[in-house]
Protein backbone atom coordinates (compact mmCIF):
# COMPACT_ATOMS: atom_id res chain seq x y z
CA MET A 1 -9.34 -10.34 -1.15
CA SER A 2 -6.73 -7.66 -1.10
CA GLU A 3 -4.53 -9.07 1.58
CA GLU A 4 -1.54 -10.80 0.08
CA THR A 5 1.90 -12.10 1.07
CA HIS A 6 5.03 -11.47 -1.01
CA THR A 7 8.22 -13.15 0.25
CA PRO A 8 11.44 -11.69 -1.06
CA PRO A 9 13.69 -14.14 -3.04
CA GLU A 10 16.08 -16.23 -0.88
CA GLY A 11 19.29 -14.74 -0.29
CA LEU A 12 18.31 -11.03 -0.59
CA VAL A 13 18.93 -10.63 3.20
CA ALA A 14 22.09 -12.02 4.51
CA LYS A 15 21.83 -14.61 7.26
CA SER A 16 25.47 -14.52 8.48
CA GLY A 17 28.58 -12.35 8.52
CA PHE A 18 28.85 -8.62 9.05
CA PHE A 19 25.93 -7.80 7.02
CA ALA A 20 23.56 -10.37 8.69
CA GLY A 21 20.16 -8.90 8.76
CA SER A 22 20.45 -6.62 5.80
CA ASN A 23 20.78 -6.74 1.94
CA THR A 24 24.48 -6.99 1.42
CA ILE A 25 24.42 -5.52 -2.08
CA MET A 26 22.37 -2.52 -0.98
CA SER A 27 24.59 -1.99 2.13
CA ILE A 28 27.88 -1.91 0.19
CA ALA A 29 26.46 0.10 -2.60
CA SER A 30 25.19 2.59 -0.08
CA MET A 31 28.59 2.80 1.53
CA VAL A 32 30.30 3.30 -1.84
CA MET A 33 27.72 5.91 -2.89
CA ILE A 34 28.26 7.87 0.45
CA VAL A 35 32.08 7.86 0.36
CA GLY A 36 32.03 8.75 -3.37
CA PHE A 37 29.72 11.79 -2.92
CA VAL A 38 31.50 13.15 0.14
CA ALA A 39 34.90 12.59 -1.45
CA PHE A 40 33.82 14.44 -4.66
CA THR A 41 32.32 17.21 -2.74
CA ILE A 42 35.28 17.93 -0.44
CA TRP A 43 37.96 17.20 -3.11
CA ASP A 44 37.16 20.62 -4.73
CA VAL A 45 34.24 22.21 -2.86
CA ASP A 46 34.01 25.08 -5.43
CA TYR A 47 34.07 22.83 -8.47
CA SER A 48 31.46 20.27 -6.92
CA GLY A 49 29.34 23.18 -5.74
CA ALA A 50 29.35 24.61 -9.45
CA VAL A 51 28.39 21.16 -10.89
CA PHE A 52 25.66 20.76 -8.37
CA ALA A 53 24.42 24.35 -8.91
CA GLN A 54 24.26 23.89 -12.72
CA GLY A 55 21.99 20.89 -12.14
CA LYS A 56 19.96 22.78 -9.63
CA ASP A 57 19.63 25.83 -11.98
CA PHE A 58 18.58 23.63 -14.83
CA ILE A 59 15.82 22.14 -12.78
CA ILE A 60 14.38 25.31 -11.34
CA ASN A 61 14.76 27.33 -14.51
CA THR A 62 13.77 24.70 -17.06
CA LEU A 63 11.66 22.25 -15.04
CA ASP A 64 9.95 24.53 -12.61
CA TRP A 65 6.53 23.80 -14.42
CA PHE A 66 7.30 20.03 -13.82
CA TYR A 67 7.71 20.46 -10.01
CA VAL A 68 4.68 22.61 -9.92
CA PHE A 69 2.75 19.99 -11.84
CA VAL A 70 3.90 17.05 -9.60
CA VAL A 71 3.07 18.73 -6.42
CA THR A 72 -0.25 19.89 -7.62
CA VAL A 73 -1.11 16.43 -8.92
CA ALA A 74 -0.13 14.99 -5.48
CA LEU A 75 -2.34 17.36 -3.63
CA PHE A 76 -5.44 16.64 -5.89
CA PHE A 77 -4.90 12.82 -5.68
CA VAL A 78 -4.76 12.88 -1.97
CA PHE A 79 -7.93 14.84 -1.77
CA TRP A 80 -9.40 12.34 -4.10
CA LEU A 81 -8.40 9.60 -1.95
CA LEU A 82 -9.77 11.35 1.07
CA VAL A 83 -13.31 11.43 -0.38
CA SER A 84 -13.12 8.21 -2.31
CA ARG A 85 -14.89 4.97 -1.62
CA PHE A 86 -11.59 3.48 -0.45
CA GLY A 87 -11.71 5.50 2.68
CA ASN A 88 -12.27 2.52 4.99
CA VAL A 89 -9.64 0.41 3.53
CA LYS A 90 -7.24 -0.65 6.29
CA LEU A 91 -3.48 -0.19 5.95
CA GLY A 92 -2.98 -3.76 7.01
CA LYS A 93 -5.22 -6.72 7.47
CA ASP A 94 -8.89 -6.04 8.25
CA ASP A 95 -8.48 -6.88 11.91
CA ASP A 96 -5.29 -4.94 12.45
CA GLU A 97 -5.36 -2.19 15.12
CA PRO A 98 -3.04 0.80 15.24
CA ASP A 99 0.41 0.22 17.17
CA PHE A 100 0.23 3.82 18.69
CA SER A 101 -2.37 6.01 20.27
CA THR A 102 -3.59 8.78 17.92
CA PHE A 103 -1.75 11.50 19.98
CA SER A 104 1.57 9.68 19.95
CA TRP A 105 1.11 9.06 16.20
CA ILE A 106 0.61 12.60 15.32
CA CYS A 107 3.46 13.65 17.50
CA MET A 108 5.71 11.25 15.57
CA LEU A 109 4.35 12.79 12.22
CA PHE A 110 5.57 16.03 13.31
CA SER A 111 9.02 14.74 14.47
CA ALA A 112 9.75 13.48 11.03
CA GLY A 113 7.96 16.07 8.86
CA LEU A 114 8.49 19.44 10.62
CA GLY A 115 10.67 19.67 13.58
CA SER A 116 13.17 22.51 14.14
CA GLY A 117 12.61 24.37 10.87
CA LEU A 118 9.34 25.71 12.35
CA ILE A 119 11.15 27.48 15.17
CA TYR A 120 13.52 29.66 13.18
CA TRP A 121 11.76 29.89 9.81
CA GLY A 122 8.42 30.77 11.53
CA VAL A 123 10.11 34.15 12.04
CA ALA A 124 12.69 34.31 9.29
CA GLU A 125 10.62 33.51 6.31
CA PRO A 126 7.77 36.00 6.92
CA MET A 127 10.43 38.65 7.62
CA TYR A 128 12.10 37.92 4.26
CA HIS A 129 8.92 38.04 2.21
CA ILE A 130 7.59 41.17 3.78
CA GLN A 131 10.53 43.04 2.29
CA ASP A 132 9.96 41.68 -1.27
CA ASN A 133 7.96 39.25 -3.29
CA PRO A 134 6.16 39.25 -6.66
CA PHE A 135 2.78 39.22 -5.07
CA LEU A 136 3.30 42.59 -3.50
CA THR A 137 3.96 44.06 -6.94
CA HIS A 138 1.07 42.27 -8.43
CA GLU A 139 -1.28 43.36 -5.76
CA GLY A 140 -0.09 46.88 -5.48
CA ILE A 141 1.07 46.58 -1.68
CA LYS A 142 3.97 48.54 -0.23
CA PRO A 143 6.68 46.45 1.36
CA GLY A 144 7.15 46.47 5.05
CA GLY A 145 3.62 47.21 6.37
CA VAL A 146 0.73 45.16 7.83
CA ASP A 147 -0.70 44.40 4.50
CA ALA A 148 2.65 43.13 3.26
CA ALA A 149 2.87 41.12 6.44
CA GLY A 150 -0.32 39.32 5.38
CA VAL A 151 1.03 38.46 2.10
CA ALA A 152 4.27 37.26 3.56
CA LEU A 153 2.33 35.04 5.92
CA ARG A 154 0.33 33.58 3.11
CA ILE A 155 3.36 32.51 1.14
CA THR A 156 5.11 31.10 4.23
CA ILE A 157 2.08 28.89 4.99
CA PHE A 158 1.93 27.97 1.34
CA HIS A 159 5.52 26.66 1.39
CA TRP A 160 4.79 24.59 4.48
CA GLY A 161 1.24 23.62 4.10
CA LEU A 162 -0.90 21.34 2.07
CA HIS A 163 1.18 20.90 -0.99
CA GLY A 164 4.34 19.75 0.76
CA TRP A 165 2.45 17.39 3.07
CA ALA A 166 0.49 15.85 0.20
CA LEU A 167 3.70 14.41 -0.96
CA TYR A 168 4.30 12.89 2.21
CA VAL A 169 0.83 11.42 2.23
CA LEU A 170 1.32 9.95 -1.26
CA VAL A 171 4.56 8.15 -0.26
CA GLY A 172 3.60 7.13 3.18
CA LEU A 173 0.25 5.76 2.08
CA SER A 174 1.55 3.86 -0.72
CA LEU A 175 4.28 2.34 1.40
CA ALA A 176 1.79 1.36 4.11
CA TYR A 177 -0.60 -0.07 1.79
CA PHE A 178 1.82 -2.20 -0.18
CA SER A 179 3.70 -3.26 2.94
CA TYR A 180 0.94 -3.89 5.36
CA ARG A 181 -1.90 -4.81 2.98
CA LYS A 182 -0.01 -6.53 0.32
CA GLY A 183 2.86 -8.11 2.25
CA LEU A 184 5.61 -6.46 0.37
CA PRO A 185 8.76 -5.14 2.22
CA LEU A 186 8.57 -1.92 4.06
CA SER A 187 11.00 -0.37 1.57
CA LEU A 188 10.79 2.32 -1.04
CA ARG A 189 10.99 -0.29 -3.92
CA SER A 190 7.54 -1.75 -2.92
CA VAL A 191 5.62 1.18 -4.24
CA MET A 192 6.98 0.35 -7.76
CA TYR A 193 5.35 -3.10 -7.60
CA PRO A 194 2.33 -2.39 -9.72
CA ILE A 195 4.86 -1.35 -12.45
CA LEU A 196 7.81 -3.46 -11.86
CA LYS A 197 6.17 -6.54 -10.34
CA ASN A 198 8.92 -8.99 -9.17
CA LYS A 199 11.74 -6.93 -10.64
CA VAL A 200 11.45 -4.83 -7.50
CA TYR A 201 13.70 -7.41 -6.09
CA GLY A 202 16.31 -6.80 -8.64
CA PRO A 203 18.61 -3.98 -9.95
CA TRP A 204 15.66 -1.76 -10.55
CA GLY A 205 14.49 -2.21 -6.97
CA HIS A 206 17.91 -1.52 -5.59
CA ALA A 207 18.16 1.67 -7.70
CA VAL A 208 14.86 2.79 -6.24
CA ASP A 209 16.08 2.14 -2.60
CA LEU A 210 19.54 3.81 -3.25
CA ILE A 211 17.69 6.89 -4.15
CA GLY A 212 15.90 6.92 -0.93
CA VAL A 213 19.11 6.16 1.11
CA PHE A 214 20.70 9.03 -0.77
CA GLY A 215 17.91 11.45 0.14
CA THR A 216 17.78 10.23 3.83
CA ILE A 217 21.44 10.34 4.74
CA PHE A 218 22.42 13.46 2.79
CA GLY A 219 19.25 15.30 3.72
CA LEU A 220 19.76 14.46 7.25
CA ALA A 221 23.66 15.51 7.08
CA THR A 222 22.74 18.76 5.54
CA SER A 223 20.00 19.61 7.76
CA LEU A 224 22.02 18.72 10.75
CA GLY A 225 25.03 20.64 9.67
CA LEU A 226 23.27 23.80 8.62
CA GLY A 227 20.68 23.45 11.25
CA VAL A 228 23.33 23.75 14.29
CA ALA A 229 23.58 27.59 13.38
CA PRO A 230 20.29 28.55 15.23
CA ILE A 231 21.44 26.23 18.14
CA ALA A 232 24.79 27.97 18.26
CA ALA A 233 23.11 31.44 17.96
CA GLY A 234 20.92 30.59 20.90
CA LEU A 235 23.89 29.35 23.06
CA GLU A 236 25.84 32.56 22.09
CA ASN A 237 22.94 34.63 23.03
CA LEU A 238 23.03 32.96 26.47
CA GLY A 239 26.78 33.44 26.66
CA TRP A 240 27.40 29.70 26.98
CA MET A 241 29.29 29.05 23.74
CA SER A 242 30.76 31.12 21.07
CA ASP A 243 29.43 30.52 17.44
CA THR A 244 32.47 28.72 16.03
CA THR A 245 33.07 25.96 13.65
CA THR A 246 34.74 23.84 16.47
CA ASN A 247 31.52 24.42 18.57
CA HIS A 248 29.39 23.45 15.75
CA LEU A 249 31.21 20.16 15.37
CA ILE A 250 30.66 19.61 19.12
CA LEU A 251 27.00 20.18 18.66
CA ILE A 252 26.79 17.84 15.78
CA ALA A 253 28.62 14.98 17.88
CA ILE A 254 25.95 15.63 20.78
CA ILE A 255 23.03 15.44 18.53
CA THR A 256 24.26 12.38 16.58
CA ALA A 257 25.03 10.69 19.93
CA LEU A 258 21.60 11.25 21.28
CA GLY A 259 19.76 10.49 17.94
CA THR A 260 21.67 7.32 17.63
CA GLY A 261 20.83 6.33 21.23
CA SER A 262 17.12 7.03 20.60
CA ALA A 263 17.19 4.96 17.36
CA VAL A 264 18.80 2.03 19.16
CA SER A 265 15.86 2.07 21.72
CA GLY A 266 13.43 1.81 18.90
CA VAL A 267 10.27 3.60 17.77
CA GLY A 268 8.09 2.63 20.59
CA LYS A 269 10.49 4.10 23.20
CA GLY A 270 13.01 6.82 22.33
CA VAL A 271 11.33 8.17 19.24
CA ARG A 272 7.78 8.20 20.64
CA ILE A 273 8.68 9.60 24.01
CA LEU A 274 11.00 12.28 22.59
CA SER A 275 8.20 13.21 19.81
CA GLU A 276 5.57 13.62 22.58
CA CYS A 277 7.93 15.85 24.76
CA ASN A 278 8.68 17.97 21.71
CA VAL A 279 5.09 18.61 20.99
CA TRP A 280 4.29 19.54 24.57
CA ALA A 281 7.20 21.93 24.84
CA SER A 282 6.39 23.43 21.49
CA LEU A 283 2.96 24.18 22.65
CA VAL A 284 4.28 25.96 25.77
CA LEU A 285 6.58 28.07 23.40
CA LEU A 286 3.67 28.86 21.17
CA LEU A 287 1.58 30.04 24.11
CA ILE A 288 4.60 32.26 25.34
CA PHE A 289 4.84 34.05 21.94
CA LEU A 290 1.02 34.58 21.99
CA VAL A 291 0.71 35.86 25.41
CA LEU A 292 3.96 38.02 25.55
CA GLY A 293 3.64 39.26 21.94
CA PRO A 294 1.08 41.75 20.73
CA THR A 295 -1.73 39.14 21.22
CA ALA A 296 -4.62 40.92 19.48
CA PHE A 297 -2.39 41.72 16.54
CA ILE A 298 -1.18 38.02 16.47
CA LEU A 299 -4.67 36.65 16.63
CA GLY A 300 -5.60 38.87 13.79
CA MET A 301 -2.89 37.56 11.67
CA VAL A 302 -3.70 34.04 12.42
CA ILE A 303 -7.34 34.36 11.50
CA SER A 304 -6.62 36.56 8.32
CA GLY A 305 -3.58 34.44 7.38
CA ALA A 306 -5.78 31.20 7.53
CA GLY A 307 -8.53 32.73 5.32
CA ASP A 308 -6.09 34.27 2.87
CA TYR A 309 -4.23 30.96 2.48
CA ILE A 310 -7.48 29.07 1.90
CA TRP A 311 -8.54 31.41 -0.65
CA ASN A 312 -5.32 31.56 -2.58
CA VAL A 313 -3.87 28.13 -2.04
CA ILE A 314 -5.13 26.66 -5.42
CA PRO A 315 -4.18 29.62 -7.68
CA MET A 316 -0.79 29.91 -6.03
CA GLY A 317 -0.26 26.22 -6.58
CA PHE A 318 -0.73 26.62 -10.24
CA TRP A 319 1.34 29.82 -10.52
CA ILE A 320 4.61 29.93 -12.55
CA ASP A 321 6.53 33.15 -12.87
CA THR A 322 6.62 34.23 -16.54
CA GLU A 323 9.53 36.75 -16.03
CA PRO A 324 12.77 34.84 -16.50
CA GLU A 325 15.04 37.54 -15.19
CA ARG A 326 13.12 37.37 -11.83
CA GLN A 327 14.44 34.53 -9.72
CA TRP A 328 12.10 34.75 -6.78
CA GLN A 329 10.04 31.58 -7.52
CA SER A 330 13.25 29.67 -8.24
CA TRP A 331 14.81 30.77 -4.86
CA TRP A 332 11.86 30.06 -2.87
CA THR A 333 8.93 28.01 -4.15
CA ILE A 334 10.78 25.68 -6.44
CA PHE A 335 13.59 25.07 -3.96
CA TYR A 336 10.95 24.24 -1.38
CA TRP A 337 9.16 21.85 -3.62
CA GLY A 338 12.53 20.24 -4.63
CA TRP A 339 13.32 19.89 -0.90
CA TRP A 340 10.03 18.50 0.10
CA ILE A 341 10.31 15.86 -2.74
CA ALA A 342 13.98 15.02 -1.78
CA TRP A 343 12.73 14.22 1.78
CA CYS A 344 9.80 12.12 0.58
CA PRO A 345 11.46 8.76 0.77
CA PHE A 346 12.66 9.42 4.49
CA VAL A 347 9.51 10.97 5.89
CA GLY A 348 7.15 8.87 3.88
CA LEU A 349 8.67 5.60 5.08
CA PHE A 350 8.77 6.82 8.81
CA ILE A 351 5.05 7.81 8.56
CA ALA A 352 4.24 4.52 7.01
CA ARG A 353 6.22 2.59 9.68
CA VAL A 354 4.06 4.08 12.51
CA SER A 355 0.62 3.93 10.61
CA LYS A 356 -0.14 0.28 10.44
CA GLY A 357 -3.78 -0.43 11.28
CA ARG A 358 -5.08 3.07 10.30
CA THR A 359 -7.72 3.49 7.66
CA LEU A 360 -6.93 5.22 4.39
CA ARG A 361 -9.21 8.14 5.09
CA GLN A 362 -7.86 8.51 8.66
CA PHE A 363 -4.33 8.55 7.22
CA CYS A 364 -5.20 11.13 4.60
CA PHE A 365 -6.96 13.37 7.12
CA CYS A 366 -4.46 13.24 9.90
CA VAL A 367 -1.26 13.37 7.80
CA LEU A 368 -2.51 16.35 5.46
CA LEU A 369 -4.73 18.36 7.50
CA VAL A 370 -3.74 18.33 11.05
CA PRO A 371 0.01 19.33 10.31
CA THR A 372 -1.22 22.04 7.99
CA SER A 373 -3.65 23.36 10.56
CA VAL A 374 -0.70 23.53 13.06
CA VAL A 375 1.45 25.13 10.39
CA VAL A 376 -1.22 28.04 9.95
CA LEU A 377 -1.39 28.51 13.69
CA TRP A 378 2.23 28.27 14.28
CA MET A 379 3.32 30.57 11.34
CA GLY A 380 0.56 33.02 12.19
CA VAL A 381 1.78 33.25 15.95
CA PHE A 382 5.49 33.34 15.24
CA GLY A 383 5.42 35.49 12.21
CA GLY A 384 2.64 37.80 13.67
CA ALA A 385 4.81 38.17 16.81
CA ALA A 386 7.75 39.03 14.72
CA VAL A 387 5.95 41.38 12.58
CA GLY A 388 4.38 43.11 15.60
CA VAL A 389 7.43 43.78 17.65
CA ASP A 390 9.19 45.10 14.67
CA LEU A 391 6.44 47.42 13.61
CA PHE A 392 5.35 48.61 17.12
CA ASN A 393 8.40 48.13 19.22
CA ALA A 394 11.21 48.80 16.49
CA ALA A 395 12.85 45.47 17.54
CA GLY A 396 14.99 45.27 14.46
CA VAL A 397 13.87 41.71 13.68
CA VAL A 398 14.05 42.30 9.86
CA ASP A 399 17.65 43.61 10.23
CA ALA A 400 18.67 40.55 12.37
CA VAL A 401 17.13 38.08 9.91
CA ASN A 402 18.80 39.73 7.06
CA ALA A 403 22.25 39.44 8.85
CA ASN A 404 21.48 35.81 10.05
CA TYR A 405 18.26 34.03 9.62
CA ALA A 406 18.83 32.03 12.80
CA ASP A 407 18.87 35.24 14.94
CA GLY A 408 15.33 36.39 14.05
CA VAL A 409 13.50 34.36 16.70
CA PHE A 410 15.85 35.35 19.51
CA LYS A 411 15.38 38.98 18.39
CA THR A 412 11.81 38.58 18.44
CA VAL A 413 11.95 37.26 22.15
CA GLU A 414 13.96 40.33 23.09
CA GLY A 415 11.31 42.49 21.39
CA PHE A 416 8.57 41.54 23.74
CA GLY A 417 10.20 43.87 26.28
CA TYR A 418 10.43 41.38 29.26
CA GLU A 419 14.16 41.34 30.03
CA SER A 420 13.79 38.93 32.90
CA LEU A 421 12.12 36.21 30.55
CA VAL A 422 14.71 36.51 27.72
CA THR A 423 17.08 34.01 29.17
CA PRO A 424 14.67 31.28 30.10
CA ILE A 425 12.76 31.60 26.82
CA THR A 426 15.98 31.20 24.88
CA ILE A 427 16.80 28.23 26.90
CA LEU A 428 13.63 26.67 25.96
CA ILE A 429 14.08 27.49 22.29
CA THR A 430 17.56 25.99 22.29
CA ILE A 431 16.51 22.91 24.06
CA LEU A 432 13.81 22.50 21.50
CA LEU A 433 16.08 23.04 18.62
CA VAL A 434 18.33 20.26 19.93
CA SER A 435 15.48 17.83 20.61
CA TRP A 436 13.71 18.28 17.35
CA PHE A 437 17.09 17.55 15.59
CA VAL A 438 17.39 14.40 17.67
CA THR A 439 14.10 13.11 16.57
CA SER A 440 14.83 13.80 12.92
CA SER A 441 18.11 12.08 13.41
CA ASP A 442 16.79 8.92 15.02
CA SER A 443 13.87 8.60 12.66
CA GLY A 444 16.14 8.97 9.71
CA THR A 445 18.49 6.50 11.02
CA LEU A 446 15.68 3.84 11.50
CA VAL A 447 14.45 4.56 7.91
CA MET A 448 17.72 3.88 6.39
CA CYS A 449 18.19 0.69 8.35
CA THR A 450 14.62 -0.46 7.46
CA MET A 451 15.45 0.08 3.71
CA LEU A 452 18.72 -1.66 3.96
CA SER A 453 17.24 -4.57 5.74
CA MET A 454 14.54 -5.04 3.18
CA GLY A 455 11.67 -3.72 5.40
CA ASP A 456 12.65 -5.02 8.71
CA GLU A 457 10.92 -2.92 11.28
CA HIS A 458 13.42 -3.86 13.95
CA PRO A 459 16.74 -3.75 12.21
CA PRO A 460 19.85 -5.15 13.97
CA ILE A 461 21.16 -2.55 16.52
CA LYS A 462 24.68 -2.68 15.04
CA PHE A 463 23.26 -1.16 11.84
CA ARG A 464 21.35 1.56 13.76
CA LEU A 465 24.58 2.54 15.54
CA PHE A 466 26.63 2.45 12.25
CA TRP A 467 24.28 4.54 10.26
CA GLY A 468 23.35 6.83 13.03
CA ILE A 469 27.07 7.77 13.60
CA THR A 470 27.57 7.80 9.77
CA SER A 471 25.08 10.71 9.32
CA GLY A 472 26.88 12.61 11.93
CA VAL A 473 30.33 12.12 10.46
CA VAL A 474 29.15 13.03 7.07
CA ALA A 475 27.71 16.34 8.37
CA GLY A 476 30.86 17.01 10.29
CA VAL A 477 33.27 16.28 7.42
CA LEU A 478 31.22 18.46 4.98
CA LEU A 479 31.02 21.20 7.59
CA LEU A 480 34.83 21.34 7.96
CA ALA A 481 35.22 21.27 4.13
CA GLY A 482 32.50 24.01 3.57
CA GLY A 483 30.51 21.51 1.37
CA LEU A 484 27.29 21.51 3.06
CA SER A 485 25.44 24.08 0.84
CA ALA A 486 26.86 22.10 -2.28
CA LEU A 487 25.41 19.02 -0.98
CA GLN A 488 22.15 20.60 -0.14
CA THR A 489 22.01 21.49 -3.75
CA ALA A 490 22.76 18.05 -4.86
CA SER A 491 19.92 16.73 -2.70
CA ILE A 492 17.59 18.88 -4.59
CA VAL A 493 18.94 17.61 -8.00
CA ALA A 494 18.46 14.06 -6.76
CA GLY A 495 14.81 14.82 -6.09
CA LEU A 496 14.07 14.83 -9.87
CA PRO A 497 13.95 11.08 -10.26
CA ILE A 498 11.79 10.87 -7.01
CA ALA A 499 9.39 13.48 -8.88
CA VAL A 500 9.04 11.11 -11.62
CA MET A 501 8.45 8.23 -9.22
CA LEU A 502 5.57 10.27 -7.41
CA LEU A 503 3.56 10.27 -10.60
CA LEU A 504 4.17 6.58 -11.12
CA MET A 505 3.28 5.94 -7.52
CA ALA A 506 0.04 7.75 -7.79
CA TYR A 507 -0.74 5.66 -10.90
CA GLY A 508 0.09 2.31 -9.21
CA LEU A 509 -1.66 2.93 -6.02
CA ALA A 510 -4.91 4.00 -7.79
CA LYS A 511 -4.70 1.04 -10.14
CA THR A 512 -4.18 -1.42 -7.42
CA LEU A 513 -7.05 0.13 -5.18
CA HIS A 514 -9.34 -0.36 -8.08
CA GLU A 515 -8.22 -3.94 -8.79
CA ASP A 516 -8.39 -4.82 -5.04
CA PHE A 517 -11.79 -3.22 -4.61
CA PRO A 518 -13.76 -3.30 -7.72
CA VAL A 519 -17.10 -1.43 -7.81
CA ALA A 520 -19.18 -4.61 -8.26
CA ASP A 521 -17.81 -5.97 -4.90
CA VAL A 522 -18.69 -2.72 -3.12
CA GLU A 523 -22.22 -2.87 -4.49
CA ASP A 524 -22.68 -6.43 -3.48
CA LYS A 525 -21.41 -5.61 0.02
CA ARG A 526 -23.95 -2.80 0.30
CA GLU A 527 -26.87 -5.03 -0.90
CA LEU A 528 -26.01 -7.75 1.66
CA GLU A 529 -25.88 -5.11 4.46
CA TYR A 530 -29.23 -3.81 3.36
CA LEU A 531 -30.88 -7.31 3.18
CA SER A 532 -29.58 -8.15 6.70
CA ARG A 533 -31.22 -5.24 8.37
């Protein structure tokens, strides 16, 4: 009934020449776009940064309400899907089974959606918020104390929790449904099929995919370029490498090589194995922080943080700061929402790629609630450990974070008071940072190649090599030119059309589900099941 086959028009995928196996128009357009943006950025970094900043300022100061609206709509839409009558619908044919075990599947969700950011922001963000945020003033809480730490943890979980993951669910679920259930290409353009119909194979579809490619490659490049800072900080603390631009470039080259090699090996091998190893190693690190830190205090923070978040998540999701001179919400919440939205095409497509055979309800539950539960636990343990050693041991974590956000997690380890364990724990953290970046790099490379090859789940190896190396080169060039922050801002601006697409996506998916599974069919099926008993 709802299983269909849509064959792209002949000629969209080249059959010979250098671009064989990919969409020639899309591939050339992507290259031109990347070269153009990089050239514009490094031609005059100050000017390009100012241009991008103006766009970002317009969004966060004028359209902050729109981003809040989009993210909140996505969350309520996903919860509706979770409890709707469509819960047992397969993301694929009715007899399709999942390609990966549930554990491997969840590990890969984390590799694309969270990764290394948890390690250093798990300490840094609570330590920023404990010093100042609007909720402290509103609730009459003095900065710097235990009560302020609870508010800081609530805000941190809010920025990493349900709202952000709802965006990934919406994109991933739409892609998986239209690709595996309806037979459309596994490409971002497919989610627009209910609105554009066969025009998804023309210029409009190309434009949608180009937005996805932009968000993926520049998101990867900026994250890789800016993310080597904590890796370099860890290596410097170990005395193995000084924190210099040259060494940053070396780290980018190493991560790019490892990520490209993993992408070449495919999802079932490199990506899956690395993701599982990352999860196990991260659990070990989590236990280390819990045991070596002020355990009772940390557990209290986890429990109270979870309850505080659950109690406040809905009102916080609707909150818009009405004081224009205060920039806190723009700097933090709106920036987070813009970054989550910008990453939607990349993470959503990767999650869809590994979710064939899952039911709609299983997808919503696992992709929304499991990562959020881990975020609550992780932020509670890391944030609680940092606050604990700072308040009780005067470890100086706040000062370290203010000087360099990447140093906070290493300062926390020193604050545990076990000098003999500082080096091995620092080594583990640094290895994990590298490994998480590698999994982000390989999954991003596969996503770009899949979109450019019109949904081919096993794109040609030469393209995996080319785009994997390209993301590293872009990161390195922008790092040298000082344009990474400017391009990060540009990525947030590029999230605006994606935000509009998210609303259209929700409408299109709901419309298609109701057309494919009308109420009358459901009632007839229930009656037949009753009569057969």
